[in-house]
Amino acid sequence: MPWDTDFFGVPTYRVFTVLFAPAASLANLTQVLRDFQQELSAQGPVYCFVEVPAEDIRLLQVLTQSGWRWNETRLHYYRSQLGEFAEPRYPVRLAQPAEAAYIGRIAAAARNDYDRFHADPWFGPERADDFLARYAAAATEGYCDAVLLPNLPGLPVDSFLAINDLTADAVAMKTGFSRVMLTAAGPENRGWHQRLVSETVYRARERGAEFVLMTTQATNGAVIRNAEKLNFALGATTHILSCPLPLSF
């Protein structure tokens, strides 16, 4: 992952797929995974992570037996039938590239201590904050397709929502998506998370999309309540595990 590798100064890998036969034993799978870790370790310190569906119990068992540590449980929501969406409208505007650093500070200040970066001791709180700030700034500078901000006279901007329209996925699946990539709401903008998500749904509908996707931590009760209020449905649950190499316990 070039972007992550450059930011953290350590080769960063994401495991996307693990294939094994149904009859494979836990012992054999564990040995294969440890061989993989040894191969990665040969190049020096590296950081590796994986996102595993909650249903994939055997893989989760193999990972934990091999020294991988659990950091976050994610809930993946989706909103379909956008034509039926009838929530109140809220004044929003697009963030400008010149606001990137300011948006980054909002992200760092309104962080969630249970996201995978803050939960993983390998990063540490300061480096995790810096990463969130840089990611939010990059989103504002064009890494994401849009960043929505409140646009109410007299209201300071203390929240944002970054959107990716998943163009390549939309072409491959012959449908349209908008995905909430990152969002934060500080004390000056209480209640604006729900409003920004609501406006994201309207934006997706206006662009002809059929689905809005949103992911949050299982610990984030506020976002879960907002998803339910806006009639998002839970589509999947996953776990994030990481393995900084060489292993240390």
C-alpha atoms as a PDB file:
ATOM      1  CA  MET A   1       0.000   0.000   0.000  1.00  0.00           C
ATOM      2  CA  PRO A   2       2.134   2.920  -1.313  1.00  0.00           C
ATOM      3  CA  TRP A   3       0.254   5.730   0.439  1.00  0.00           C
ATOM      4  CA  ASP A   4       0.395   4.059   3.869  1.00  0.00           C
ATOM      5  CA  THR A   5       3.984   2.921   3.338  1.00  0.00           C
ATOM      6  CA  ASP A   6       5.077   6.447   2.535  1.00  0.00           C
ATOM      7  CA  PHE A   7       3.253   7.962   5.510  1.00  0.00           C
ATOM      8  CA  PHE A   8       4.402   5.495   8.180  1.00  0.00           C
ATOM      9  CA  GLY A   9       7.844   4.862   6.731  1.00  0.00           C
ATOM     10  CA  VAL A  10       7.355   1.090   7.001  1.00  0.00           C
ATOM     11  CA  PRO A  11       6.286  -1.284   4.188  1.00  0.00           C
ATOM     12  CA  THR A  12       2.549  -1.741   4.714  1.00  0.00           C
ATOM     13  CA  TYR A  13       0.590  -4.661   3.283  1.00  0.00           C
ATOM     14  CA  ARG A  14      -3.056  -5.618   3.230  1.00  0.00           C
ATOM     15  CA  VAL A  15      -4.101  -9.243   2.839  1.00  0.00           C
ATOM     16  CA  PHE A  16      -7.205  -9.328   0.646  1.00  0.00           C
ATOM     17  CA  THR A  17      -7.899 -13.051   0.214  1.00  0.00           C
ATOM     18  CA  VAL A  18      -6.946 -16.314   1.905  1.00  0.00           C
ATOM     19  CA  LEU A  19      -7.888 -19.515   0.079  1.00  0.00           C
ATOM     20  CA  PHE A  20      -7.802 -22.962   1.646  1.00  0.00           C
ATOM     21  CA  ALA A  21      -9.505 -26.319   1.253  1.00  0.00           C
ATOM     22  CA  PRO A  22     -12.376 -27.185   3.612  1.00  0.00           C
ATOM     23  CA  ALA A  23     -10.425 -30.172   4.905  1.00  0.00           C
ATOM     24  CA  ALA A  24      -7.317 -28.132   5.803  1.00  0.00           C
ATOM     25  CA  SER A  25      -6.462 -28.465   9.486  1.00  0.00           C
ATOM     26  CA  LEU A  26      -5.953 -25.505  11.784  1.00  0.00           C
ATOM     27  CA  ALA A  27      -2.405 -26.717  12.425  1.00  0.00           C
ATOM     28  CA  ASN A  28      -1.527 -26.768   8.713  1.00  0.00           C
ATOM     29  CA  LEU A  29      -3.157 -23.395   8.054  1.00  0.00           C
ATOM     30  CA  THR A  30      -1.331 -21.884  11.013  1.00  0.00           C
ATOM     31  CA  GLN A  31       1.999 -23.172   9.688  1.00  0.00           C
ATOM     32  CA  VAL A  32       1.298 -21.758   6.226  1.00  0.00           C
ATOM     33  CA  LEU A  33       0.469 -18.364   7.716  1.00  0.00           C
ATOM     34  CA  ARG A  34       3.610 -18.372   9.842  1.00  0.00           C
ATOM     35  CA  ASP A  35       5.663 -19.187   6.734  1.00  0.00           C
ATOM     36  CA  PHE A  36       4.050 -16.189   5.041  1.00  0.00           C
ATOM     37  CA  GLN A  37       4.932 -13.976   8.004  1.00  0.00           C
ATOM     38  CA  GLN A  38       8.524 -15.221   7.947  1.00  0.00           C
ATOM     39  CA  GLU A  39       8.771 -14.387   4.251  1.00  0.00           C
ATOM     40  CA  LEU A  40       7.553 -10.840   4.896  1.00  0.00           C
ATOM     41  CA  SER A  41       9.890 -10.459   7.876  1.00  0.00           C
ATOM     42  CA  ALA A  42      12.898 -11.239   5.682  1.00  0.00           C
ATOM     43  CA  GLN A  43      12.767  -7.687   4.277  1.00  0.00           C
ATOM     44  CA  GLY A  44      12.891  -6.086   7.737  1.00  0.00           C
ATOM     45  CA  PRO A  45      10.121  -4.431   9.787  1.00  0.00           C
ATOM     46  CA  VAL A  46       6.747  -4.472   8.022  1.00  0.00           C
ATOM     47  CA  TYR A  47       3.118  -3.905   8.952  1.00  0.00           C
ATOM     48  CA  CYS A  48       0.357  -6.162   7.654  1.00  0.00           C
ATOM     49  CA  PHE A  49      -3.386  -6.121   8.231  1.00  0.00           C
ATOM     50  CA  VAL A  50      -6.480  -7.953   7.055  1.00  0.00           C
ATOM     51  CA  GLU A  51     -10.249  -7.486   7.192  1.00  0.00           C
ATOM     52  CA  VAL A  52     -12.097 -10.748   7.819  1.00  0.00           C
ATOM     53  CA  PRO A  53     -15.873 -11.402   7.684  1.00  0.00           C
ATOM     54  CA  ALA A  54     -17.231 -12.424  11.072  1.00  0.00           C
ATOM     55  CA  GLU A  55     -18.472 -15.657   9.503  1.00  0.00           C
ATOM     56  CA  ASP A  56     -14.947 -16.790   8.605  1.00  0.00           C
ATOM     57  CA  ILE A  57     -14.306 -18.325  12.020  1.00  0.00           C
ATOM     58  CA  ARG A  58     -11.530 -20.710  10.959  1.00  0.00           C
ATOM     59  CA  LEU A  59      -9.458 -17.943   9.411  1.00  0.00           C
ATOM     60  CA  LEU A  60      -9.928 -15.793  12.509  1.00  0.00           C
ATOM     61  CA  GLN A  61      -8.743 -18.694  14.648  1.00  0.00           C
ATOM     62  CA  VAL A  62      -5.699 -19.229  12.444  1.00  0.00           C
ATOM     63  CA  LEU A  63      -4.784 -15.548  12.525  1.00  0.00           C
ATOM     64  CA  THR A  64      -5.012 -15.254  16.295  1.00  0.00           C
ATOM     65  CA  GLN A  65      -3.024 -18.489  16.739  1.00  0.00           C
ATOM     66  CA  SER A  66      -0.319 -16.958  14.537  1.00  0.00           C
ATOM     67  CA  GLY A  67       0.123 -13.798  16.588  1.00  0.00           C
ATOM     68  CA  TRP A  68      -2.229 -11.451  14.749  1.00  0.00           C
ATOM     69  CA  ARG A  69      -4.087  -9.079  17.052  1.00  0.00           C
ATOM     70  CA  TRP A  70      -7.671  -7.948  16.779  1.00  0.00           C
ATOM     71  CA  ASN A  71      -8.134  -4.160  16.666  1.00  0.00           C
ATOM     72  CA  GLU A  72     -11.609  -3.299  15.433  1.00  0.00           C
ATOM     73  CA  THR A  73     -15.026  -4.757  14.633  1.00  0.00           C
ATOM     74  CA  ARG A  74     -16.757  -2.993  11.751  1.00  0.00           C
ATOM     75  CA  LEU A  75     -20.426  -2.748  10.844  1.00  0.00           C
ATOM     76  CA  HIS A  76     -21.132  -2.174   7.149  1.00  0.00           C
ATOM     77  CA  TYR A  77     -24.413  -0.424   6.377  1.00  0.00           C
ATOM     78  CA  TYR A  78     -26.131   0.283   3.082  1.00  0.00           C
ATOM     79  CA  ARG A  79     -29.097   2.411   2.017  1.00  0.00           C
ATOM     80  CA  SER A  80     -31.037   1.317  -1.046  1.00  0.00           C
ATOM     81  CA  GLN A  81     -34.310   2.545  -2.578  1.00  0.00           C
ATOM     82  CA  LEU A  82     -32.977   6.084  -2.693  1.00  0.00           C
ATOM     83  CA  GLY A  83     -36.061   7.262  -4.557  1.00  0.00           C
ATOM     84  CA  GLU A  84     -38.083   6.809  -1.370  1.00  0.00           C
ATOM     85  CA  PHE A  85     -35.741   8.943   0.731  1.00  0.00           C
ATOM     86  CA  ALA A  86     -37.711  11.889   2.127  1.00  0.00           C
ATOM     87  CA  GLU A  87     -35.693  13.374   4.995  1.00  0.00           C
ATOM     88  CA  PRO A  88     -35.552  17.154   5.559  1.00  0.00           C
ATOM     89  CA  ARG A  89     -32.932  19.023   3.517  1.00  0.00           C
ATOM     90  CA  TYR A  90     -29.953  20.709   5.143  1.00  0.00           C
ATOM     91  CA  PRO A  91     -27.663  23.439   3.785  1.00  0.00           C
ATOM     92  CA  VAL A  92     -24.288  21.988   2.800  1.00  0.00           C
ATOM     93  CA  ARG A  93     -21.454  22.916   0.507  1.00  0.00           C
ATOM     94  CA  LEU A  94     -18.348  21.286  -0.953  1.00  0.00           C
ATOM     95  CA  ALA A  95     -15.061  21.772   0.857  1.00  0.00           C
ATOM     96  CA  GLN A  96     -12.386  23.589  -1.116  1.00  0.00           C
ATOM     97  CA  PRO A  97      -8.755  22.419  -1.443  1.00  0.00           C
ATOM     98  CA  ALA A  98      -7.614  25.497   0.479  1.00  0.00           C
ATOM     99  CA  GLU A  99      -9.518  24.138   3.504  1.00  0.00           C
ATOM    100  CA  ALA A 100      -7.620  20.837   3.551  1.00  0.00           C
ATOM    101  CA  ALA A 101      -5.470  21.535   6.598  1.00  0.00           C
ATOM    102  CA  TYR A 102      -8.479  22.809   8.554  1.00  0.00           C
ATOM    103  CA  ILE A 103     -10.510  19.697   7.682  1.00  0.00           C
ATOM    104  CA  GLY A 104      -7.554  17.597   8.810  1.00  0.00           C
ATOM    105  CA  ARG A 105      -7.567  19.276  12.214  1.00  0.00           C
ATOM    106  CA  ILE A 106     -11.296  18.519  12.597  1.00  0.00           C
ATOM    107  CA  ALA A 107     -10.620  14.852  11.856  1.00  0.00           C
ATOM    108  CA  ALA A 108      -7.814  14.586  14.411  1.00  0.00           C
ATOM    109  CA  ALA A 109      -9.752  16.433  17.122  1.00  0.00           C
ATOM    110  CA  ALA A 110     -12.943  14.387  16.686  1.00  0.00           C
ATOM    111  CA  ARG A 111     -11.225  11.030  16.408  1.00  0.00           C
ATOM    112  CA  ASN A 112     -12.765   7.741  17.493  1.00  0.00           C
ATOM    113  CA  ASP A 113     -10.505   5.947  19.963  1.00  0.00           C
ATOM    114  CA  TYR A 114     -11.874   2.618  18.693  1.00  0.00           C
ATOM    115  CA  ASP A 115     -10.937   2.930  15.025  1.00  0.00           C
ATOM    116  CA  ARG A 116      -8.219   0.553  13.879  1.00  0.00           C
ATOM    117  CA  PHE A 117      -5.468   3.151  13.973  1.00  0.00           C
ATOM    118  CA  HIS A 118      -6.119   4.357  17.522  1.00  0.00           C
ATOM    119  CA  ALA A 119      -6.860   0.853  18.805  1.00  0.00           C
ATOM    120  CA  ASP A 120      -3.608  -0.611  17.475  1.00  0.00           C
ATOM    121  CA  PRO A 121      -0.675   0.189  19.808  1.00  0.00           C
ATOM    122  CA  TRP A 122       1.732  -0.122  16.871  1.00  0.00           C
ATOM    123  CA  PHE A 123       0.634   3.326  15.657  1.00  0.00           C
ATOM    124  CA  GLY A 124       0.350   5.180  18.944  1.00  0.00           C
ATOM    125  CA  PRO A 125      -2.151   8.027  19.515  1.00  0.00           C
ATOM    126  CA  GLU A 126      -0.061  10.848  18.022  1.00  0.00           C
ATOM    127  CA  ARG A 127       0.773   8.995  14.804  1.00  0.00           C
ATOM    128  CA  ALA A 128      -2.843   7.832  14.486  1.00  0.00           C
ATOM    129  CA  ASP A 129      -4.047  11.434  14.867  1.00  0.00           C
ATOM    130  CA  ASP A 130      -1.539  12.587  12.263  1.00  0.00           C
ATOM    131  CA  PHE A 131      -2.710   9.904   9.844  1.00  0.00           C
ATOM    132  CA  LEU A 132      -6.363  10.879  10.240  1.00  0.00           C
ATOM    133  CA  ALA A 133      -5.496  14.527   9.686  1.00  0.00           C
ATOM    134  CA  ARG A 134      -3.484  13.754   6.561  1.00  0.00           C
ATOM    135  CA  TYR A 135      -6.172  11.446   5.187  1.00  0.00           C
ATOM    136  CA  ALA A 136      -8.899  14.062   5.687  1.00  0.00           C
ATOM    137  CA  ALA A 137      -6.713  16.724   4.104  1.00  0.00           C
ATOM    138  CA  ALA A 138      -5.991  14.456   1.128  1.00  0.00           C
ATOM    139  CA  ALA A 139      -9.715  13.769   0.747  1.00  0.00           C
ATOM    140  CA  THR A 140     -10.303  17.514   0.499  1.00  0.00           C
ATOM    141  CA  GLU A 141      -7.492  17.873  -2.033  1.00  0.00           C
ATOM    142  CA  GLY A 142      -9.039  15.352  -4.424  1.00  0.00           C
ATOM    143  CA  TYR A 143      -8.377  11.897  -2.981  1.00  0.00           C
ATOM    144  CA  CYS A 144     -12.143  11.559  -2.506  1.00  0.00           C
ATOM    145  CA  ASP A 145     -14.856  12.657  -4.947  1.00  0.00           C
ATOM    146  CA  ALA A 146     -16.507  15.132  -2.570  1.00  0.00           C
ATOM    147  CA  VAL A 147     -16.262  16.465   0.975  1.00  0.00           C
ATOM    148  CA  LEU A 148     -19.479  17.934   2.386  1.00  0.00           C
ATOM    149  CA  LEU A 149     -19.533  20.697   5.008  1.00  0.00           C
ATOM    150  CA  PRO A 150     -22.369  22.464   6.851  1.00  0.00           C
ATOM    151  CA  ASN A 151     -23.344  25.729   5.166  1.00  0.00           C
ATOM    152  CA  LEU A 152     -25.498  27.518   7.727  1.00  0.00           C
ATOM    153  CA  PRO A 153     -24.934  31.248   8.322  1.00  0.00           C
ATOM    154  CA  GLY A 154     -23.278  31.880  11.667  1.00  0.00           C
ATOM    155  CA  LEU A 155     -22.445  28.198  12.242  1.00  0.00           C
ATOM    156  CA  PRO A 156     -18.715  27.431  12.456  1.00  0.00           C
ATOM    157  CA  VAL A 157     -17.589  24.446  10.410  1.00  0.00           C
ATOM    158  CA  ASP A 158     -16.709  21.675  12.852  1.00  0.00           C
ATOM    159  CA  SER A 159     -17.752  18.628  10.840  1.00  0.00           C
ATOM    160  CA  PHE A 160     -17.269  17.068   7.417  1.00  0.00           C
ATOM    161  CA  LEU A 161     -18.100  13.965   5.413  1.00  0.00           C
ATOM    162  CA  ALA A 162     -15.865  12.584   2.656  1.00  0.00           C
ATOM    163  CA  ILE A 163     -17.438  10.612  -0.211  1.00  0.00           C
ATOM    164  CA  ASN A 164     -16.064   8.185  -2.795  1.00  0.00           C
ATOM    165  CA  ASP A 165     -18.363   7.356  -5.691  1.00  0.00           C
ATOM    166  CA  LEU A 166     -16.617   4.006  -6.360  1.00  0.00           C
ATOM    167  CA  THR A 167     -16.600   4.569 -10.102  1.00  0.00           C
ATOM    168  CA  ALA A 168     -14.681   1.410 -11.023  1.00  0.00           C
ATOM    169  CA  ASP A 169     -16.961  -0.755  -8.860  1.00  0.00           C
ATOM    170  CA  ALA A 170     -20.028   0.901 -10.361  1.00  0.00           C
ATOM    171  CA  VAL A 171     -18.859   0.081 -13.892  1.00  0.00           C
ATOM    172  CA  ALA A 172     -18.023  -3.521 -12.988  1.00  0.00           C
ATOM    173  CA  MET A 173     -21.339  -4.106 -11.178  1.00  0.00           C
ATOM    174  CA  LYS A 174     -23.468  -2.014 -13.553  1.00  0.00           C
ATOM    175  CA  THR A 175     -24.936   0.086 -10.793  1.00  0.00           C
ATOM    176  CA  GLY A 176     -24.084   3.241  -8.858  1.00  0.00           C
ATOM    177  CA  PHE A 177     -22.610   3.738  -5.385  1.00  0.00           C
ATOM    178  CA  SER A 178     -21.588   6.499  -3.016  1.00  0.00           C
ATOM    179  CA  ARG A 179     -19.504   5.463  -0.050  1.00  0.00           C
ATOM    180  CA  VAL A 180     -18.937   7.448   3.126  1.00  0.00           C
ATOM    181  CA  MET A 181     -15.152   7.253   3.531  1.00  0.00           C
ATOM    182  CA  LEU A 182     -14.525   9.397   6.587  1.00  0.00           C
ATOM    183  CA  THR A 183     -16.634  11.657   8.733  1.00  0.00           C
ATOM    184  CA  ALA A 184     -16.217  13.664  11.918  1.00  0.00           C
ATOM    185  CA  ALA A 185     -18.401  16.017  13.936  1.00  0.00           C
ATOM    186  CA  GLY A 186     -16.969  18.204  16.670  1.00  0.00           C
ATOM    187  CA  PRO A 187     -18.787  19.891  19.561  1.00  0.00           C
ATOM    188  CA  GLU A 188     -19.680  22.976  17.493  1.00  0.00           C
ATOM    189  CA  ASN A 189     -21.659  20.808  15.055  1.00  0.00           C
ATOM    190  CA  ARG A 190     -23.657  18.443  17.251  1.00  0.00           C
ATOM    191  CA  GLY A 191     -26.239  16.607  15.166  1.00  0.00           C
ATOM    192  CA  TRP A 192     -24.510  17.262  11.860  1.00  0.00           C
ATOM    193  CA  HIS A 193     -23.323  13.711  11.288  1.00  0.00           C
ATOM    194  CA  GLN A 194     -26.888  12.626  10.579  1.00  0.00           C
ATOM    195  CA  ARG A 195     -27.496  15.704   8.434  1.00  0.00           C
ATOM    196  CA  LEU A 196     -24.377  15.187   6.348  1.00  0.00           C
ATOM    197  CA  VAL A 197     -25.229  11.521   5.809  1.00  0.00           C
ATOM    198  CA  SER A 198     -28.758  12.531   4.818  1.00  0.00           C
ATOM    199  CA  GLU A 199     -27.393  14.981   2.250  1.00  0.00           C
ATOM    200  CA  THR A 200     -25.040  12.269   1.010  1.00  0.00           C
ATOM    201  CA  VAL A 201     -28.090  10.144   0.199  1.00  0.00           C
ATOM    202  CA  TYR A 202     -29.676  13.017  -1.720  1.00  0.00           C
ATOM    203  CA  ARG A 203     -26.410  13.625  -3.589  1.00  0.00           C
ATOM    204  CA  ALA A 204     -26.205   9.949  -4.545  1.00  0.00           C
ATOM    205  CA  ARG A 205     -29.774   9.966  -5.821  1.00  0.00           C
ATOM    206  CA  GLU A 206     -29.161  13.094  -7.870  1.00  0.00           C
ATOM    207  CA  ARG A 207     -26.170  11.367  -9.476  1.00  0.00           C
ATOM    208  CA  GLY A 208     -28.262   8.320 -10.366  1.00  0.00           C
ATOM    209  CA  ALA A 209     -26.702   5.992  -7.813  1.00  0.00           C
ATOM    210  CA  GLU A 210     -28.667   3.140  -6.290  1.00  0.00           C
ATOM    211  CA  PHE A 211     -26.794   2.611  -3.033  1.00  0.00           C
ATOM    212  CA  VAL A 212     -25.064   4.565  -0.282  1.00  0.00           C
ATOM    213  CA  LEU A 213     -22.541   2.605   1.788  1.00  0.00           C
ATOM    214  CA  MET A 214     -21.310   3.501   5.257  1.00  0.00           C
ATOM    215  CA  THR A 215     -18.989   1.718   7.687  1.00  0.00           C
ATOM    216  CA  THR A 216     -18.535   2.329  11.404  1.00  0.00           C
ATOM    217  CA  GLN A 217     -17.098   0.652  14.469  1.00  0.00           C
ATOM    218  CA  ALA A 218     -19.356  -1.656  16.489  1.00  0.00           C
ATOM    219  CA  THR A 219     -18.609   0.634  19.441  1.00  0.00           C
ATOM    220  CA  ASN A 220     -19.909   3.792  17.721  1.00  0.00           C
ATOM    221  CA  GLY A 221     -23.431   3.958  19.088  1.00  0.00           C
ATOM    222  CA  ALA A 222     -24.081   7.466  17.767  1.00  0.00           C
ATOM    223  CA  VAL A 223     -23.391   6.518  14.151  1.00  0.00           C
ATOM    224  CA  ILE A 224     -25.364   3.285  14.513  1.00  0.00           C
ATOM    225  CA  ARG A 225     -28.381   5.252  15.773  1.00  0.00           C
ATOM    226  CA  ASN A 226     -28.098   7.674  12.864  1.00  0.00           C
ATOM    227  CA  ALA A 227     -27.882   4.811  10.380  1.00  0.00           C
ATOM    228  CA  GLU A 228     -31.052   3.308  11.823  1.00  0.00           C
ATOM    229  CA  LYS A 229     -32.865   6.682  11.773  1.00  0.00           C
ATOM    230  CA  LEU A 230     -32.055   7.041   8.074  1.00  0.00           C
ATOM    231  CA  ASN A 231     -33.166   3.467   7.323  1.00  0.00           C
ATOM    232  CA  PHE A 232     -29.746   2.057   6.500  1.00  0.00           C
ATOM    233  CA  ALA A 233     -29.588  -1.728   6.688  1.00  0.00           C
ATOM    234  CA  LEU A 234     -26.749  -3.766   8.150  1.00  0.00           C
ATOM    235  CA  GLY A 235     -25.059  -5.674   5.346  1.00  0.00           C
ATOM    236  CA  ALA A 236     -22.007  -7.248   6.950  1.00  0.00           C
ATOM    237  CA  THR A 237     -19.796  -7.433  10.023  1.00  0.00           C
ATOM    238  CA  THR A 238     -16.014  -7.726   9.758  1.00  0.00           C
ATOM    239  CA  HIS A 239     -12.974  -7.776  12.031  1.00  0.00           C
ATOM    240  CA  ILE A 240      -9.677  -5.947  11.472  1.00  0.00           C
ATOM    241  CA  LEU A 241      -6.541  -7.770  12.597  1.00  0.00           C
ATOM    242  CA  SER A 242      -2.948  -6.652  12.252  1.00  0.00           C
ATOM    243  CA  CYS A 243       0.490  -8.189  12.383  1.00  0.00           C
ATOM    244  CA  PRO A 244       3.492  -5.889  12.804  1.00  0.00           C
ATOM    245  CA  LEU A 245       6.610  -7.890  11.977  1.00  0.00           C
ATOM    246  CA  PRO A 246       8.814  -8.973  13.582  1.00  0.00           C
ATOM    247  CA  LEU A 247       6.299 -10.138  16.164  1.00  0.00           C
ATOM    248  CA  SER A 248       6.541  -8.818  19.694  1.00  0.00           C
ATOM    249  CA  PHE A 249       4.363  -9.773  22.642  1.00  0.00           C
END
